[in-house]
Amino acid sequence: MTQEELEQAAHTYEAAAAELERALGHCHVAAEHFREGKVPNGTAHAWAARGHLVRAARQLDAQAEQHTAKAQLPGD
């Protein structure tokens, strides 16, 4: 892999980590709201957490798809 490709991979993982950290924050806020009986607010944060998880998964999926071109099977 070139240095540029390695940098892009690193960026992808940092971006995914940032999305996961945002998801974590929304989960904590959702829990607080549910404990306080604020169901609409809790639900909004729960869905926001899910959205960040989806974004992180997409980023990691794209990275995985790139590796399908790099990983070789015997006989390739």
PDB file of N, CA and C in Angstrom:
ATOM      1  N   MET A   1       0.846  -1.184   0.000  1.00  0.00           N
ATOM      2  CA  MET A   1       0.000   0.000   0.000  1.00  0.00           C
ATOM      3  C   MET A   1       0.889   1.243   0.000  1.00  0.00           C
ATOM      4  N   THR A   2       0.419   2.244  -0.694  1.00  0.00           N
ATOM      5  CA  THR A   2       1.151   3.503  -0.717  1.00  0.00           C
ATOM      6  C   THR A   2       0.885   4.276   0.568  1.00  0.00           C
ATOM      7  N   GLN A   3       1.714   5.275   0.825  1.00  0.00           N
ATOM      8  CA  GLN A   3       1.502   6.111   2.010  1.00  0.00           C
ATOM      9  C   GLN A   3       0.152   6.820   1.933  1.00  0.00           C
ATOM     10  N   GLU A   4      -0.236   7.219   0.738  1.00  0.00           N
ATOM     11  CA  GLU A   4      -1.537   7.871   0.560  1.00  0.00           C
ATOM     12  C   GLU A   4      -2.682   6.924   0.920  1.00  0.00           C
ATOM     13  N   GLU A   5      -2.576   5.674   0.488  1.00  0.00           N
ATOM     14  CA  GLU A   5      -3.603   4.685   0.816  1.00  0.00           C
ATOM     15  C   GLU A   5      -3.652   4.419   2.316  1.00  0.00           C
ATOM     16  N   LEU A   6      -2.490   4.360   2.945  1.00  0.00           N
ATOM     17  CA  LEU A   6      -2.445   4.160   4.398  1.00  0.00           C
ATOM     18  C   LEU A   6      -3.060   5.343   5.129  1.00  0.00           C
ATOM     19  N   GLU A   7      -2.789   6.532   4.660  1.00  0.00           N
ATOM     20  CA  GLU A   7      -3.366   7.734   5.281  1.00  0.00           C
ATOM     21  C   GLU A   7      -4.879   7.743   5.136  1.00  0.00           C
ATOM     22  N   GLN A   8      -5.354   7.340   3.958  1.00  0.00           N
ATOM     23  CA  GLN A   8      -6.797   7.265   3.741  1.00  0.00           C
ATOM     24  C   GLN A   8      -7.431   6.230   4.661  1.00  0.00           C
ATOM     25  N   ALA A   9      -6.786   5.096   4.830  1.00  0.00           N
ATOM     26  CA  ALA A   9      -7.304   4.076   5.752  1.00  0.00           C
ATOM     27  C   ALA A   9      -7.349   4.619   7.173  1.00  0.00           C
ATOM     28  N   ALA A  10      -6.289   5.295   7.587  1.00  0.00           N
ATOM     29  CA  ALA A  10      -6.256   5.875   8.932  1.00  0.00           C
ATOM     30  C   ALA A  10      -7.381   6.880   9.103  1.00  0.00           C
ATOM     31  N   HIS A  11      -7.594   7.710   8.089  1.00  0.00           N
ATOM     32  CA  HIS A  11      -8.673   8.698   8.147  1.00  0.00           C
ATOM     33  C   HIS A  11     -10.035   8.009   8.288  1.00  0.00           C
ATOM     34  N   THR A  12     -10.227   6.927   7.540  1.00  0.00           N
ATOM     35  CA  THR A  12     -11.489   6.192   7.612  1.00  0.00           C
ATOM     36  C   THR A  12     -11.745   5.691   9.031  1.00  0.00           C
ATOM     37  N   TYR A  13     -10.721   5.122   9.665  1.00  0.00           N
ATOM     38  CA  TYR A  13     -10.893   4.597  11.019  1.00  0.00           C
ATOM     39  C   TYR A  13     -11.097   5.711  12.037  1.00  0.00           C
ATOM     40  N   GLU A  14     -10.435   6.840  11.843  1.00  0.00           N
ATOM     41  CA  GLU A  14     -10.654   7.978  12.742  1.00  0.00           C
ATOM     42  C   GLU A  14     -12.072   8.522  12.603  1.00  0.00           C
ATOM     43  N   ALA A  15     -12.561   8.584  11.369  1.00  0.00           N
ATOM     44  CA  ALA A  15     -13.923   9.057  11.136  1.00  0.00           C
ATOM     45  C   ALA A  15     -14.945   8.098  11.744  1.00  0.00           C
ATOM     46  N   ALA A  16     -14.713   6.809  11.586  1.00  0.00           N
ATOM     47  CA  ALA A  16     -15.615   5.822  12.184  1.00  0.00           C
ATOM     48  C   ALA A  16     -15.591   5.935  13.705  1.00  0.00           C
ATOM     49  N   ALA A  17     -14.411   6.118  14.271  1.00  0.00           N
ATOM     50  CA  ALA A  17     -14.289   6.271  15.728  1.00  0.00           C
ATOM     51  C   ALA A  17     -15.048   7.504  16.206  1.00  0.00           C
ATOM     52  N   ALA A  18     -14.970   8.590  15.455  1.00  0.00           N
ATOM     53  CA  ALA A  18     -15.696   9.810  15.828  1.00  0.00           C
ATOM     54  C   ALA A  18     -17.202   9.565  15.823  1.00  0.00           C
ATOM     55  N   GLU A  19     -17.680   8.845  14.821  1.00  0.00           N
ATOM     56  CA  GLU A  19     -19.115   8.519  14.777  1.00  0.00           C
ATOM     57  C   GLU A  19     -19.508   7.650  15.971  1.00  0.00           C
ATOM     58  N   LEU A  20     -18.662   6.687  16.316  1.00  0.00           N
ATOM     59  CA  LEU A  20     -18.969   5.815  17.448  1.00  0.00           C
ATOM     60  C   LEU A  20     -18.954   6.587  18.762  1.00  0.00           C
ATOM     61  N   GLU A  21     -18.057   7.558  18.881  1.00  0.00           N
ATOM     62  CA  GLU A  21     -18.032   8.393  20.086  1.00  0.00           C
ATOM     63  C   GLU A  21     -19.298   9.233  20.188  1.00  0.00           C
ATOM     64  N   ARG A  22     -19.778   9.744  19.057  1.00  0.00           N
ATOM     65  CA  ARG A  22     -21.037  10.495  19.059  1.00  0.00           C
ATOM     66  C   ARG A  22     -22.191   9.574  19.454  1.00  0.00           C
ATOM     67  N   ALA A  23     -22.192   8.355  18.933  1.00  0.00           N
ATOM     68  CA  ALA A  23     -23.236   7.396  19.296  1.00  0.00           C
ATOM     69  C   ALA A  23     -23.222   7.145  20.798  1.00  0.00           C
ATOM     70  N   LEU A  24     -22.044   6.977  21.351  1.00  0.00           N
ATOM     71  CA  LEU A  24     -21.908   6.768  22.791  1.00  0.00           C
ATOM     72  C   LEU A  24     -22.519   7.919  23.572  1.00  0.00           C
ATOM     73  N   GLY A  25     -22.208   9.141  23.161  1.00  0.00           N
ATOM     74  CA  GLY A  25     -22.757  10.313  23.840  1.00  0.00           C
ATOM     75  C   GLY A  25     -24.273  10.336  23.791  1.00  0.00           C
ATOM     76  N   HIS A  26     -24.834  10.044  22.625  1.00  0.00           N
ATOM     77  CA  HIS A  26     -26.298  10.026  22.498  1.00  0.00           C
ATOM     78  C   HIS A  26     -26.914   8.916  23.347  1.00  0.00           C
ATOM     79  N   CYS A  27     -26.244   7.792  23.476  1.00  0.00           N
ATOM     80  CA  CYS A  27     -26.756   6.710  24.333  1.00  0.00           C
ATOM     81  C   CYS A  27     -26.824   7.159  25.789  1.00  0.00           C
ATOM     82  N   HIS A  28     -25.796   7.852  26.245  1.00  0.00           N
ATOM     83  CA  HIS A  28     -25.799   8.348  27.627  1.00  0.00           C
ATOM     84  C   HIS A  28     -26.934   9.349  27.848  1.00  0.00           C
ATOM     85  N   VAL A  29     -27.103  10.262  26.893  1.00  0.00           N
ATOM     86  CA  VAL A  29     -28.166  11.260  27.017  1.00  0.00           C
ATOM     87  C   VAL A  29     -29.536  10.584  26.952  1.00  0.00           C
ATOM     88  N   ALA A  30     -29.690   9.618  26.053  1.00  0.00           N
ATOM     89  CA  ALA A  30     -30.966   8.898  25.961  1.00  0.00           C
ATOM     90  C   ALA A  30     -31.296   8.223  27.287  1.00  0.00           C
ATOM     91  N   ALA A  31     -30.305   7.593  27.904  1.00  0.00           N
ATOM     92  CA  ALA A  31     -30.534   6.930  29.190  1.00  0.00           C
ATOM     93  C   ALA A  31     -30.995   7.935  30.243  1.00  0.00           C
ATOM     94  N   GLU A  32     -30.358   9.099  30.292  1.00  0.00           N
ATOM     95  CA  GLU A  32     -30.757  10.129  31.253  1.00  0.00           C
ATOM     96  C   GLU A  32     -32.206  10.543  31.026  1.00  0.00           C
ATOM     97  N   HIS A  33     -32.549  10.798  29.772  1.00  0.00           N
ATOM     98  CA  HIS A  33     -33.920  11.226  29.467  1.00  0.00           C
ATOM     99  C   HIS A  33     -34.937  10.149  29.832  1.00  0.00           C
ATOM    100  N   PHE A  34     -34.645   8.896  29.523  1.00  0.00           N
ATOM    101  CA  PHE A  34     -35.588   7.834  29.867  1.00  0.00           C
ATOM    102  C   PHE A  34     -35.753   7.720  31.385  1.00  0.00           C
ATOM    103  N   ARG A  35     -34.661   7.865  32.126  1.00  0.00           N
ATOM    104  CA  ARG A  35     -34.765   7.825  33.594  1.00  0.00           C
ATOM    105  C   ARG A  35     -35.653   8.946  34.128  1.00  0.00           C
ATOM    106  N   GLU A  36     -35.624  10.073  33.431  1.00  0.00           N
ATOM    107  CA  GLU A  36     -36.424  11.231  33.849  1.00  0.00           C
ATOM    108  C   GLU A  36     -37.841  11.182  33.281  1.00  0.00           C
ATOM    109  N   GLY A  37     -38.164  10.118  32.542  1.00  0.00           N
ATOM    110  CA  GLY A  37     -39.489   9.983  31.964  1.00  0.00           C
ATOM    111  C   GLY A  37     -39.712  10.828  30.729  1.00  0.00           C
ATOM    112  N   LYS A  38     -38.646  11.362  30.160  1.00  0.00           N
ATOM    113  CA  LYS A  38     -38.747  12.202  28.957  1.00  0.00           C
ATOM    114  C   LYS A  38     -38.600  11.316  27.725  1.00  0.00           C
ATOM    115  N   VAL A  39     -39.671  10.604  27.441  1.00  0.00           N
ATOM    116  CA  VAL A  39     -39.639   9.597  26.375  1.00  0.00           C
ATOM    117  C   VAL A  39     -39.340  10.196  24.999  1.00  0.00           C
ATOM    118  N   PRO A  40     -40.007  11.299  24.597  1.00  0.00           N
ATOM    119  CA  PRO A  40     -39.690  11.834  23.268  1.00  0.00           C
ATOM    120  C   PRO A  40     -38.217  12.242  23.129  1.00  0.00           C
ATOM    121  N   ASN A  41     -37.662  12.875  24.147  1.00  0.00           N
ATOM    122  CA  ASN A  41     -36.252  13.269  24.097  1.00  0.00           C
ATOM    123  C   ASN A  41     -35.343  12.040  24.092  1.00  0.00           C
ATOM    124  N   GLY A  42     -35.675  11.065  24.921  1.00  0.00           N
ATOM    125  CA  GLY A  42     -34.886   9.841  24.966  1.00  0.00           C
ATOM    126  C   GLY A  42     -34.902   9.129  23.635  1.00  0.00           C
ATOM    127  N   THR A  43     -36.069   9.075  23.021  1.00  0.00           N
ATOM    128  CA  THR A  43     -36.199   8.426  21.731  1.00  0.00           C
ATOM    129  C   THR A  43     -35.403   9.153  20.651  1.00  0.00           C
ATOM    130  N   ALA A  44     -35.439  10.478  20.683  1.00  0.00           N
ATOM    131  CA  ALA A  44     -34.681  11.257  19.696  1.00  0.00           C
ATOM    132  C   ALA A  44     -33.189  10.946  19.802  1.00  0.00           C
ATOM    133  N   HIS A  45     -32.682  10.884  21.014  1.00  0.00           N
ATOM    134  CA  HIS A  45     -31.258  10.593  21.191  1.00  0.00           C
ATOM    135  C   HIS A  45     -30.937   9.138  20.871  1.00  0.00           C
ATOM    136  N   ALA A  46     -31.864   8.249  21.165  1.00  0.00           N
ATOM    137  CA  ALA A  46     -31.649   6.845  20.811  1.00  0.00           C
ATOM    138  C   ALA A  46     -31.531   6.695  19.293  1.00  0.00           C
ATOM    139  N   TRP A  47     -32.398   7.371  18.553  1.00  0.00           N
ATOM    140  CA  TRP A  47     -32.322   7.300  17.093  1.00  0.00           C
ATOM    141  C   TRP A  47     -31.083   7.999  16.563  1.00  0.00           C
ATOM    142  N   ALA A  48     -30.678   9.088  17.214  1.00  0.00           N
ATOM    143  CA  ALA A  48     -29.434   9.754  16.806  1.00  0.00           C
ATOM    144  C   ALA A  48     -28.252   8.807  16.994  1.00  0.00           C
ATOM    145  N   ALA A  49     -28.246   8.080  18.098  1.00  0.00           N
ATOM    146  CA  ALA A  49     -27.179   7.104  18.340  1.00  0.00           C
ATOM    147  C   ALA A  49     -27.160   6.072  17.221  1.00  0.00           C
ATOM    148  N   ARG A  50     -28.316   5.580  16.862  1.00  0.00           N
ATOM    149  CA  ARG A  50     -28.409   4.587  15.787  1.00  0.00           C
ATOM    150  C   ARG A  50     -27.891   5.158  14.470  1.00  0.00           C
ATOM    151  N   GLY A  51     -28.218   6.409  14.199  1.00  0.00           N
ATOM    152  CA  GLY A  51     -27.738   7.044  12.979  1.00  0.00           C
ATOM    153  C   GLY A  51     -26.221   7.109  12.916  1.00  0.00           C
ATOM    154  N   HIS A  52     -25.598   7.421  14.047  1.00  0.00           N
ATOM    155  CA  HIS A  52     -24.133   7.458  14.083  1.00  0.00           C
ATOM    156  C   HIS A  52     -23.545   6.057  13.905  1.00  0.00           C
ATOM    157  N   LEU A  53     -24.218   5.052  14.461  1.00  0.00           N
ATOM    158  CA  LEU A  53     -23.764   3.675  14.251  1.00  0.00           C
ATOM    159  C   LEU A  53     -23.846   3.283  12.774  1.00  0.00           C
ATOM    160  N   VAL A  54     -24.911   3.696  12.116  1.00  0.00           N
ATOM    161  CA  VAL A  54     -25.081   3.400  10.695  1.00  0.00           C
ATOM    162  C   VAL A  54     -23.969   4.063   9.891  1.00  0.00           C
ATOM    163  N   ARG A  55     -23.669   5.325  10.203  1.00  0.00           N
ATOM    164  CA  ARG A  55     -22.591   6.025   9.488  1.00  0.00           C
ATOM    165  C   ARG A  55     -21.249   5.322   9.689  1.00  0.00           C
ATOM    166  N   ALA A  56     -20.964   4.941  10.931  1.00  0.00           N
ATOM    167  CA  ALA A  56     -19.699   4.245  11.209  1.00  0.00           C
ATOM    168  C   ALA A  56     -19.646   2.929  10.445  1.00  0.00           C
ATOM    169  N   ALA A  57     -20.742   2.202  10.439  1.00  0.00           N
ATOM    170  CA  ALA A  57     -20.779   0.922   9.727  1.00  0.00           C
ATOM    171  C   ALA A  57     -20.548   1.119   8.237  1.00  0.00           C
ATOM    172  N   ARG A  58     -21.137   2.161   7.668  1.00  0.00           N
ATOM    173  CA  ARG A  58     -20.934   2.422   6.240  1.00  0.00           C
ATOM    174  C   ARG A  58     -19.466   2.702   5.937  1.00  0.00           C
ATOM    175  N   GLN A  59     -18.833   3.492   6.807  1.00  0.00           N
ATOM    176  CA  GLN A  59     -17.420   3.808   6.596  1.00  0.00           C
ATOM    177  C   GLN A  59     -16.566   2.544   6.673  1.00  0.00           C
ATOM    178  N   LEU A  60     -16.846   1.705   7.645  1.00  0.00           N
ATOM    179  CA  LEU A  60     -16.088   0.464   7.794  1.00  0.00           C
ATOM    180  C   LEU A  60     -16.400  -0.517   6.672  1.00  0.00           C
ATOM    181  N   ASP A  61     -17.648  -0.524   6.217  1.00  0.00           N
ATOM    182  CA  ASP A  61     -18.012  -1.383   5.084  1.00  0.00           C
ATOM    183  C   ASP A  61     -17.252  -0.969   3.829  1.00  0.00           C
ATOM    184  N   ALA A  62     -17.123   0.328   3.607  1.00  0.00           N
ATOM    185  CA  ALA A  62     -16.389   0.807   2.433  1.00  0.00           C
ATOM    186  C   ALA A  62     -14.929   0.380   2.515  1.00  0.00           C
ATOM    187  N   GLN A  63     -14.360   0.456   3.704  1.00  0.00           N
ATOM    188  CA  GLN A  63     -12.970   0.022   3.887  1.00  0.00           C
ATOM    189  C   GLN A  63     -12.853  -1.478   3.611  1.00  0.00           C
ATOM    190  N   ALA A  64     -13.809  -2.246   4.093  1.00  0.00           N
ATOM    191  CA  ALA A  64     -13.793  -3.695   3.864  1.00  0.00           C
ATOM    192  C   ALA A  64     -13.895  -4.011   2.376  1.00  0.00           C
ATOM    193  N   GLU A  65     -14.750  -3.276   1.667  1.00  0.00           N
ATOM    194  CA  GLU A  65     -14.896  -3.513   0.228  1.00  0.00           C
ATOM    195  C   GLU A  65     -13.608  -3.211  -0.518  1.00  0.00           C
ATOM    196  N   GLN A  66     -12.876  -2.204  -0.083  1.00  0.00           N
ATOM    197  CA  GLN A  66     -11.597  -1.895  -0.720  1.00  0.00           C
ATOM    198  C   GLN A  66     -10.622  -3.060  -0.557  1.00  0.00           C
ATOM    199  N   HIS A  67     -10.721  -3.759   0.549  1.00  0.00           N
ATOM    200  CA  HIS A  67      -9.807  -4.872   0.794  1.00  0.00           C
ATOM    201  C   HIS A  67     -10.129  -6.090  -0.055  1.00  0.00           C
ATOM    202  N   THR A  68     -11.316  -6.144  -0.623  1.00  0.00           N
ATOM    203  CA  THR A  68     -11.614  -7.269  -1.511  1.00  0.00           C
ATOM    204  C   THR A  68     -10.726  -7.241  -2.752  1.00  0.00           C
ATOM    205  N   ALA A  69     -10.258  -6.064  -3.117  1.00  0.00           N
ATOM    206  CA  ALA A  69      -9.367  -5.945  -4.268  1.00  0.00           C
ATOM    207  C   ALA A  69      -7.917  -6.232  -3.896  1.00  0.00           C
ATOM    208  N   LYS A  70      -7.611  -6.233  -2.612  1.00  0.00           N
ATOM    209  CA  LYS A  70      -6.231  -6.395  -2.161  1.00  0.00           C
ATOM    210  C   LYS A  70      -5.929  -7.815  -1.668  1.00  0.00           C
ATOM    211  N   ALA A  71      -6.880  -8.426  -0.987  1.00  0.00           N
ATOM    212  CA  ALA A  71      -6.659  -9.757  -0.436  1.00  0.00           C
ATOM    213  C   ALA A  71      -6.719 -10.792  -1.556  1.00  0.00           C
ATOM    214  N   GLN A  72      -5.725 -11.615  -1.619  1.00  0.00           N
ATOM    215  CA  GLN A  72      -5.632 -12.599  -2.690  1.00  0.00           C
ATOM    216  C   GLN A  72      -5.877 -14.017  -2.148  1.00  0.00           C
ATOM    217  N   LEU A  73      -6.571 -14.800  -2.932  1.00  0.00           N
ATOM    218  CA  LEU A  73      -6.749 -16.211  -2.633  1.00  0.00           C
ATOM    219  C   LEU A  73      -5.660 -17.007  -3.352  1.00  0.00           C
ATOM    220  N   PRO A  74      -5.354 -18.195  -2.867  1.00  0.00           N
ATOM    221  CA  PRO A  74      -4.390 -19.024  -3.599  1.00  0.00           C
ATOM    222  C   PRO A  74      -4.843 -19.218  -5.038  1.00  0.00           C
ATOM    223  N   GLY A  75      -3.939 -19.051  -5.962  1.00  0.00           N
ATOM    224  CA  GLY A  75      -4.278 -19.200  -7.363  1.00  0.00           C
ATOM    225  C   GLY A  75      -4.661 -17.906  -8.055  1.00  0.00           C
ATOM    226  N   ASP A  76      -4.820 -16.819  -7.284  1.00  0.00           N
ATOM    227  CA  ASP A  76      -5.162 -15.520  -7.899  1.00  0.00           C
ATOM    228  C   ASP A  76      -3.960 -14.928  -8.595  1.00  0.00           C
TER     229      ASP A  76
END
